N, C-alpha and C. Protein backbone atom coordinates (compact mmCIF):
# COMPACT_ATOMS: atom_id res chain seq x y z
N MET A 1 1.26 -1.37 0.10
CA MET A 1 -0.01 0.54 -0.09
C MET A 1 0.46 1.54 0.28
N PRO A 2 0.74 2.28 -1.04
CA PRO A 2 1.43 3.77 -1.04
C PRO A 2 1.33 4.05 0.21
N THR A 3 2.67 4.61 0.94
CA THR A 3 2.43 4.99 1.87
C THR A 3 1.70 6.61 2.12
N PRO A 4 1.12 7.27 1.04
CA PRO A 4 0.27 8.52 1.22
C PRO A 4 -1.38 7.84 1.93
N THR A 5 -1.39 6.61 1.29
CA THR A 5 -2.62 5.54 0.73
C THR A 5 -2.75 5.59 2.99
N LYS A 6 -1.55 4.33 3.18
CA LYS A 6 -1.52 4.08 4.14
C LYS A 6 -1.81 5.01 5.38
N ALA A 7 -0.87 6.65 5.24
CA ALA A 7 -1.19 7.41 6.10
C ALA A 7 -2.63 7.92 6.31
N ALA A 8 -3.28 8.56 4.78
CA ALA A 8 -4.43 8.57 5.18
C ALA A 8 -5.97 7.69 5.85
N LEU A 9 -5.42 6.54 5.97
CA LEU A 9 -6.05 5.57 6.31
C LEU A 9 -6.12 5.52 8.12
N GLU A 10 -4.80 5.74 8.33
CA GLU A 10 -4.53 5.37 9.66
C GLU A 10 -5.36 6.89 10.35
N VAL A 11 -5.41 7.97 9.86
CA VAL A 11 -6.10 9.49 10.22
C VAL A 11 -7.57 8.80 10.31
N TRP A 12 -7.92 8.13 9.45
CA TRP A 12 -9.11 7.75 9.34
C TRP A 12 -9.57 6.98 10.14
N LEU A 13 -8.78 5.90 10.28
CA LEU A 13 -9.42 5.41 11.66
C LEU A 13 -9.06 5.80 13.03
N GLN A 14 -8.21 6.75 13.21
CA GLN A 14 -8.39 7.49 14.27
C GLN A 14 -9.83 8.25 14.71
N ALA A 15 -10.00 8.84 13.61
CA ALA A 15 -11.88 9.58 13.77
C ALA A 15 -12.61 8.40 13.83
N ARG A 16 -12.40 7.19 12.50
CA ARG A 16 -13.64 6.21 12.86
C ARG A 16 -13.88 5.55 14.34
N GLY A 17 -12.30 4.91 14.72
CA GLY A 17 -12.46 3.76 15.79
C GLY A 17 -11.94 2.52 14.98
N THR A 18 -11.38 1.82 16.25
CA THR A 18 -11.03 0.58 15.40
C THR A 18 -11.57 -0.34 15.91
N ASP A 19 -13.31 -0.28 15.99
CA ASP A 19 -14.30 -1.22 16.31
C ASP A 19 -14.74 -1.92 15.04
N GLU A 20 -14.93 -3.32 15.09
CA GLU A 20 -14.91 -3.96 14.12
C GLU A 20 -16.29 -3.47 13.02
N GLY A 21 -16.58 -3.30 12.03
CA GLY A 21 -17.16 -3.22 11.15
C GLY A 21 -16.99 -2.82 10.03
N PRO A 22 -17.72 -1.88 9.00
CA PRO A 22 -17.61 -1.41 7.81
C PRO A 22 -16.30 -0.55 7.67
N LEU A 23 -15.37 -0.37 7.44
CA LEU A 23 -14.45 0.56 7.00
C LEU A 23 -14.96 1.69 7.03
N PHE A 24 -16.10 2.55 6.32
CA PHE A 24 -16.15 3.76 5.88
C PHE A 24 -17.76 3.66 6.36
N VAL A 25 -17.88 4.68 7.30
CA VAL A 25 -19.31 5.07 8.34
C VAL A 25 -19.61 6.19 8.05
N THR A 26 -20.71 6.31 8.29
CA THR A 26 -21.66 7.72 8.29
C THR A 26 -21.17 8.27 9.42
N PHE A 27 -21.19 9.62 9.65
CA PHE A 27 -20.93 10.72 11.27
C PHE A 27 -22.52 11.29 11.36
N ASP A 28 -23.29 11.03 10.58
CA ASP A 28 -24.85 11.98 11.03
C ASP A 28 -25.76 11.39 11.59
N ARG A 29 -26.13 11.97 12.46
CA ARG A 29 -27.22 11.70 14.10
C ARG A 29 -28.12 10.41 13.39
N ALA A 30 -28.44 10.53 12.31
CA ALA A 30 -29.37 9.53 12.46
C ALA A 30 -29.00 7.93 11.99
N GLY A 31 -27.82 7.95 11.78
CA GLY A 31 -26.91 6.30 11.45
C GLY A 31 -25.58 6.47 11.61
N LYS A 32 -25.18 7.33 12.64
CA LYS A 32 -23.91 7.03 13.05
C LYS A 32 -23.13 6.13 13.27
N GLY A 33 -22.32 5.79 12.44
CA GLY A 33 -21.71 4.40 12.27
C GLY A 33 -21.84 3.31 11.49
N GLY A 34 -22.97 3.83 10.89
CA GLY A 34 -23.28 2.89 10.15
C GLY A 34 -22.84 3.11 8.60
N ARG A 35 -23.24 2.09 7.41
CA ARG A 35 -22.13 1.50 6.45
C ARG A 35 -22.55 2.68 5.33
N LEU A 36 -21.45 3.48 4.81
CA LEU A 36 -21.51 4.52 3.91
C LEU A 36 -22.19 3.77 2.54
N THR A 37 -23.17 4.63 2.18
CA THR A 37 -24.02 3.93 0.96
C THR A 37 -23.06 4.36 -0.24
N GLY A 38 -23.36 3.76 -1.51
CA GLY A 38 -22.97 4.06 -2.50
C GLY A 38 -23.26 5.79 -3.23
N SER A 39 -24.77 6.08 -2.70
CA SER A 39 -25.07 7.16 -3.02
C SER A 39 -24.97 8.29 -2.05
N ALA A 40 -24.38 7.67 -0.94
CA ALA A 40 -23.56 8.74 -0.03
C ALA A 40 -22.16 9.28 -0.42
N VAL A 41 -21.72 8.23 -1.10
CA VAL A 41 -20.18 8.61 -1.37
C VAL A 41 -20.67 9.67 -2.94
N TYR A 42 -21.21 9.41 -3.64
CA TYR A 42 -21.64 9.94 -4.64
C TYR A 42 -21.82 11.43 -4.52
N PHE A 43 -22.42 11.70 -3.03
CA PHE A 43 -22.96 12.89 -2.47
C PHE A 43 -21.53 13.69 -2.35
N ILE A 44 -20.94 12.68 -1.34
CA ILE A 44 -19.81 13.43 -0.69
C ILE A 44 -18.81 13.88 -1.90
N VAL A 45 -18.45 13.46 -2.70
CA VAL A 45 -18.02 13.30 -3.50
C VAL A 45 -18.50 14.69 -4.75
N ARG A 46 -19.60 14.70 -5.02
CA ARG A 46 -20.07 15.43 -6.10
C ARG A 46 -19.85 17.02 -4.89
N ARG A 47 -20.08 17.17 -3.85
CA ARG A 47 -20.18 18.28 -2.59
C ARG A 47 -18.45 18.80 -2.41
N LEU A 48 -17.59 17.60 -2.24
CA LEU A 48 -16.40 18.26 -1.87
C LEU A 48 -15.93 18.64 -3.33
N GLY A 49 -16.73 18.25 -4.45
CA GLY A 49 -15.75 18.66 -6.30
C GLY A 49 -16.51 20.24 -6.37
N THR A 50 -17.65 20.59 -5.46
CA THR A 50 -18.39 21.85 -6.06
C THR A 50 -17.65 22.71 -5.41
N LYS A 51 -16.87 22.66 -4.08
CA LYS A 51 -16.35 22.92 -3.11
C LYS A 51 -14.96 23.60 -3.89
N ALA A 52 -14.29 22.71 -4.81
CA ALA A 52 -13.39 22.79 -5.40
C ALA A 52 -13.27 23.61 -6.68
N GLY A 53 -14.57 24.10 -7.05
CA GLY A 53 -14.88 24.53 -8.55
C GLY A 53 -15.01 23.53 -9.01
N LEU A 54 -14.98 22.45 -9.05
CA LEU A 54 -15.04 21.46 -9.95
C LEU A 54 -16.51 20.44 -10.47
N THR A 55 -16.63 19.73 -11.46
CA THR A 55 -17.60 19.29 -11.12
C THR A 55 -17.01 17.86 -11.43
N VAL A 56 -17.53 16.78 -10.05
CA VAL A 56 -16.91 15.56 -10.06
C VAL A 56 -17.47 14.56 -9.78
N ARG A 57 -17.30 13.18 -10.40
CA ARG A 57 -18.31 12.24 -9.86
C ARG A 57 -17.14 10.98 -9.14
N PRO A 58 -17.82 9.92 -8.67
CA PRO A 58 -16.73 8.83 -8.27
C PRO A 58 -15.94 8.20 -9.64
N HIS A 59 -17.27 7.75 -10.72
CA HIS A 59 -16.85 7.37 -11.75
C HIS A 59 -15.37 7.93 -12.78
N GLY A 60 -15.70 9.10 -12.50
CA GLY A 60 -14.99 10.22 -13.21
C GLY A 60 -13.56 10.16 -12.34
N LEU A 61 -13.47 10.11 -11.19
CA LEU A 61 -12.31 9.80 -10.44
C LEU A 61 -11.47 8.40 -10.70
N ARG A 62 -12.23 7.36 -10.69
CA ARG A 62 -12.05 6.33 -11.08
C ARG A 62 -11.50 6.11 -12.69
N HIS A 63 -11.99 6.76 -13.46
CA HIS A 63 -11.74 7.00 -14.94
C HIS A 63 -10.21 7.19 -14.68
N LEU A 64 -10.39 8.78 -14.25
CA LEU A 64 -9.00 9.56 -13.73
C LEU A 64 -7.48 8.89 -13.23
N ALA A 65 -7.94 8.02 -12.65
CA ALA A 65 -6.89 6.93 -12.13
C ALA A 65 -6.28 6.21 -13.29
N ILE A 66 -7.40 5.29 -13.69
CA ILE A 66 -7.05 4.57 -14.55
C ILE A 66 -6.45 5.05 -16.15
N THR A 67 -6.54 6.07 -15.98
CA THR A 67 -5.92 6.95 -17.38
C THR A 67 -4.58 7.27 -16.68
N SER A 68 -4.50 7.77 -15.88
CA SER A 68 -3.19 8.52 -15.00
C SER A 68 -2.19 7.15 -15.05
N ALA A 69 -2.91 5.85 -14.61
CA ALA A 69 -1.88 4.94 -14.34
C ALA A 69 -1.28 4.37 -16.15
N LEU A 70 -2.48 4.79 -17.00
CA LEU A 70 -1.95 3.99 -18.39
C LEU A 70 -0.60 5.21 -18.84
N ASP A 71 -1.15 6.32 -18.82
CA ASP A 71 0.44 7.18 -18.91
C ASP A 71 1.36 7.30 -18.23
N LEU A 72 1.02 6.91 -16.44
CA LEU A 72 2.49 6.39 -15.92
C LEU A 72 3.48 5.16 -16.19
N THR A 73 2.35 4.19 -16.84
CA THR A 73 3.11 2.75 -17.30
C THR A 73 3.23 2.96 -18.51
N LYS A 74 3.34 3.73 -19.25
CA LYS A 74 3.78 3.69 -20.59
C LYS A 74 2.39 2.88 -21.36
N GLY A 75 1.02 2.55 -20.69
CA GLY A 75 0.28 2.12 -21.77
C GLY A 75 0.35 0.24 -21.07
N ASP A 76 1.08 0.45 -20.15
CA ASP A 76 0.71 -1.41 -19.51
C ASP A 76 -0.36 -1.69 -19.37
N VAL A 77 -1.29 -2.33 -20.09
CA VAL A 77 -2.62 -2.08 -20.24
C VAL A 77 -2.73 -3.71 -18.65
N ARG A 78 -1.81 -4.63 -19.14
CA ARG A 78 -2.29 -5.82 -18.06
C ARG A 78 -1.77 -5.10 -16.63
N ALA A 79 -0.80 -4.26 -16.25
CA ALA A 79 -0.23 -3.59 -15.17
C ALA A 79 -1.62 -3.00 -14.53
N VAL A 80 -2.25 -2.21 -15.44
CA VAL A 80 -3.49 -1.28 -14.76
C VAL A 80 -4.37 -1.98 -15.00
N GLN A 81 -4.82 -3.29 -15.48
CA GLN A 81 -5.68 -4.11 -15.19
C GLN A 81 -5.87 -5.11 -13.87
N LYS A 82 -4.54 -4.75 -13.09
CA LYS A 82 -4.75 -5.33 -11.79
C LYS A 82 -4.89 -4.63 -11.19
N PHE A 83 -4.35 -3.06 -11.46
CA PHE A 83 -4.21 -2.16 -10.40
C PHE A 83 -6.21 -1.71 -10.62
N SER A 84 -6.99 -1.38 -11.99
CA SER A 84 -8.21 -1.30 -12.03
C SER A 84 -8.88 -2.33 -11.56
N ARG A 85 -8.78 -3.53 -11.51
CA ARG A 85 -9.25 -4.95 -11.04
C ARG A 85 -10.56 -5.50 -12.18
N HIS A 86 -10.21 -4.73 -13.49
CA HIS A 86 -11.58 -5.26 -14.40
C HIS A 86 -11.13 -6.70 -14.73
N LYS A 87 -11.68 -7.25 -15.16
CA LYS A 87 -11.88 -8.74 -15.31
C LYS A 87 -11.48 -9.17 -16.95
N ASP A 88 -12.17 -7.65 -17.87
CA ASP A 88 -11.84 -7.56 -19.49
C ASP A 88 -10.88 -6.83 -19.59
N VAL A 89 -9.80 -7.20 -20.33
CA VAL A 89 -8.89 -6.05 -20.79
C VAL A 89 -9.53 -5.28 -21.85
N ARG A 90 -10.71 -5.38 -22.47
CA ARG A 90 -10.79 -5.03 -23.47
C ARG A 90 -11.11 -3.62 -23.10
N VAL A 91 -11.80 -3.30 -21.74
CA VAL A 91 -12.37 -2.12 -21.54
C VAL A 91 -11.02 -1.28 -21.17
N LEU A 92 -10.16 -1.71 -20.74
CA LEU A 92 -8.85 -1.01 -20.97
C LEU A 92 -8.30 -0.53 -21.89
N ASN A 93 -8.30 -1.25 -22.98
CA ASN A 93 -7.89 -0.96 -24.17
C ASN A 93 -9.04 0.05 -24.82
N THR A 94 -10.08 0.12 -24.37
CA THR A 94 -11.21 1.59 -24.68
C THR A 94 -10.50 2.78 -24.17
N TYR A 95 -9.99 2.56 -22.83
CA TYR A 95 -9.70 3.43 -21.99
C TYR A 95 -8.37 4.64 -22.77
N ASP A 96 -7.45 3.27 -23.17
CA ASP A 96 -5.70 3.35 -23.51
C ASP A 96 -6.33 3.94 -25.06
N ASP A 97 -7.19 3.71 -26.03
CA ASP A 97 -7.82 4.53 -26.95
C ASP A 97 -7.97 6.06 -26.64
N ASN A 98 -9.07 6.48 -25.68
CA ASN A 98 -9.22 7.60 -25.66
C ASN A 98 -8.11 8.36 -25.25
N ARG A 99 -7.35 7.82 -24.44
CA ARG A 99 -6.04 8.36 -23.66
C ARG A 99 -5.39 8.83 -24.79
N GLN A 100 -4.97 7.82 -25.51
CA GLN A 100 -3.96 8.22 -27.01
C GLN A 100 -4.77 8.98 -28.07
N ASP A 101 -6.35 8.95 -28.44
CA ASP A 101 -7.01 9.39 -29.29
C ASP A 101 -6.31 8.65 -30.62
N ILE A 102 -6.24 7.21 -30.51
CA ILE A 102 -5.66 6.07 -31.42
C ILE A 102 -6.75 6.64 -32.57
N ALA A 103 -7.97 6.39 -31.95
CA ALA A 103 -8.97 6.56 -33.30
C ALA A 103 -8.99 7.79 -34.17
N GLY A 104 -9.00 8.60 -33.10
CA GLY A 104 -8.81 9.88 -34.05
C GLY A 104 -7.60 10.23 -34.98
N ASP A 105 -6.79 9.78 -34.45
CA ASP A 105 -5.00 9.66 -35.18
C ASP A 105 -5.40 8.94 -36.20
N VAL A 106 -5.89 7.94 -36.70
CA VAL A 106 -6.52 7.14 -37.68
C VAL A 106 -7.36 7.56 -38.59
N ALA A 107 -8.21 8.31 -38.17
CA ALA A 107 -9.33 8.90 -38.61
C ALA A 107 -9.02 10.52 -39.52
N ARG A 108 -7.88 10.88 -38.89
CA ARG A 108 -7.42 12.09 -39.63
C ARG A 108 -6.55 11.72 -40.84
N LEU A 109 -5.69 10.66 -40.32
CA LEU A 109 -4.45 9.76 -41.56
C LEU A 109 -5.58 9.40 -42.79
N VAL A 110 -6.70 8.75 -42.56
CA VAL A 110 -7.72 8.70 -43.48
C VAL A 110 -8.36 9.64 -44.02
N ALA A 111 -8.50 10.49 -43.57
CA ALA A 111 -9.03 12.02 -44.16
C ALA A 111 -7.67 12.81 -44.87
N GLY A 112 -6.98 12.43 -44.85
CA GLY A 112 -5.45 13.30 -45.24
C GLY A 112 -5.19 14.56 -44.71
N VAL A 113 -5.56 14.50 -43.47
CA VAL A 113 -5.44 15.62 -42.70
C VAL A 113 -4.13 15.57 -41.85
């Protein structure tokens, strides 16, 4: 686990506590300590993005992480497949194509541009 990730989780565990149960829990009065839902994650990410002046979605962050991983590994689709946990490598080929705009490059060649 990367050092910054480990440090962030250690800080989170200090706030959450070390009791057994879900890793990510709510802190609202109604459901304190309950499992954080997918909808709650979506809301939190959107709200933090808005505070930063950005439009952000959880899947957009995942897409960015995968695209960045492809950039940093010089397109090593197999390594990024392990990182992203995609079962089908064809999904990553789509990310890689979009990252490099391979289809756009070929279209420009065909068009003679």
